[in-house]
Amino acid sequence: AWRGHLERTSCRASSFSSLPPPAMATASMTLMRAAASSRALARSWVRGCPPVPSRCGGPGKSRDVVSFQRHAPGRHHRPTARRFAAAADAEDADASTSTSADGASAAVAKAGGDAGTPPSSVPARDPSKPPEPDTPSVPLGIASSGAVLVPHPDKAEKGGEDACFVLRDQGAFGVMDGVGGWADEGVDPAAYSNTFAERSAAAVLMGASDPRDVIRAAHERVKIVGSTTACVAIMDGESGIVNVANLGDAGAMIARGKDAYFRTPSQQHEFNCPFQLGCVEFYPESDGADDAETFKVHVRPGDALVMGSDGLWDNVPHAEVAETVEACVRGGKNAQETAEAIATIAFEHSVDEEYDSPFTTEARNNGYDVEWWERAKGKTLVGGKMDDIAVVVAFMDEKEKCPPPAPEEEDETDGATER
C-alpha cells in the first residue's frame, strides 16, 4: 500500500535549533487481563504526544518537495521480491543465511569470540540443526527494557501510526508500522498496527514462543482494513538465543559494545514498497507470515536488543545506533533512557535537510536524485526522512542478575490480573 512520503523543503534544519526536545510517548508495559472465561487479552498502551512544529513550507514550496510513494491498496501487483539491506558491508553483515525449504530465510549469528568479529568469519551452517555457540551458554534474562514512540509532526495530534509491545517477563518484544497510505482510502492506519500489536502480545501471553507464529496468530485475528509491517523478537533465556521474525522494513539489531553484531535486512518488493500484512478479505495482495524472515542469534550478557520502525533505520545507521547504546550504557542509563536517546537522534536526523540519511542513500542507489539543473550545480539528493519513529530497547544480562518477574496485581474493579 502507498505508505507515506518524504518531503524536503527549502526550510533549513537550523530553524529547529530553538525547539524543545522532540515530543515522545512512552509505550507502557503491555498488560494481560485474565477474564472470567480465562481467555487472555493483551493491550499495548500508546499515549498521544503534543504537536511538534512541521518543517514543511506553505504555498509556493511545492517545487521543493520530493515525494516517494508506495503501492496503493488494489494496485499492488506483487513484483518479483527484492530485499534491500542498506549499507550491507562486511563490517555490519551479521549472520550467515541460507534458504529453507518453504522459501523463508533462516539465519544464525554466533556470539563467540571478540565483539567485533567480522560476520564473514561465521561459517555457513544448516539452519535446520541446533546452533552450537562458541562459548558455553549462560541463562539470560532481561535486565531492563523500554520503548518510545515519536509521531511524524503532521500526525502528532493522534500519536502517529507506529505501535509496539513490551513483555519483559516473557522476553518478548515487537514493533509494527501501520501503512500510512490507507489514510487516502479514509482508513486510520494506526488502527491496524495497534490492533496487530495487541494480538501479537496476546499470542505470547497465551504461550506462543516462535516469533513467526506470533505474527501468524496476529495476522489471522486482525479483521479490519489496513496493513502493517511487523518485527517480533523473543529471547530463550536458557539457550541464550534471541529468535527474530521480520516482515517489511521495520527491523531489529543486536548491539555488542560499539558494534552492530547482528541486524535484520529490510524486505521490500521494490524501493520504498515493503512487505506488509493486511486482512486478505479487504487486501488480497497482502503478504503472509510465511514470508517473514527468521533468525536465531546467540547473545551473551551485556548485549542489547534494539528494534525500530523504518523511521529509525531510514534515519540512523546501525553503527550509530550501536555507538549510542554503548555511550548510554557507559553513562549508566537504563533501557528506557537509551530508547529515548536513540529516538532523539532519529528525530534530529529526520528534520536535517543536509544530513545524508540511509534513506536518501538508498534512494540514489535506486535512481532517484534532484533535478538535472540542480545536479549541474553540484547538488545531490540528501536529507532526513520525516516519519513516525518507534524504538524498543532491551538489555540482556545473566538471569540471576536480572529483576524477578513482576508480581500479578489484583484489579480492584473486576478482579482481573495485570502484569
Foldseek 3Di string as FASTA:
>chain_A
DWFDWFWDWPQALVVCVPPDFAWKWWWDAWKWWQAPVRQIFIAIDTDFTDFDDDRDDDPPGVVRTDIDIAADFPRDPLAAWDFFFFPPDQQQAAWAWDADPLRFIETEGADDDDLRPGRVPPDDDDPVDDDDHPDQAFQKAFQFKIKMKGFQNVCRRVRHQKGKHDDRQQQKIKIKGWRHNCVVVVDDSNVLNRQLRRQLVSVVVVPDQANLVSNQRSLVPDDDFTKIWMKMWTADRVRQKIKIWGFAQWWKFKAAQLGRNHIDTGIARDQPHTQIGGRCVRRVVHDHSSRIHMYIYRDAAFIKMKTKHVLQQQQDPSSVLNNLVNVCVVVVHGNRVSNSVSVSSSVSQQQHQVAATSSQVVVVVVPDWDDPVVVVVVDIHGGHGRGMMMMMMTGMHRPVSHDHDDDWDADPPRRITID
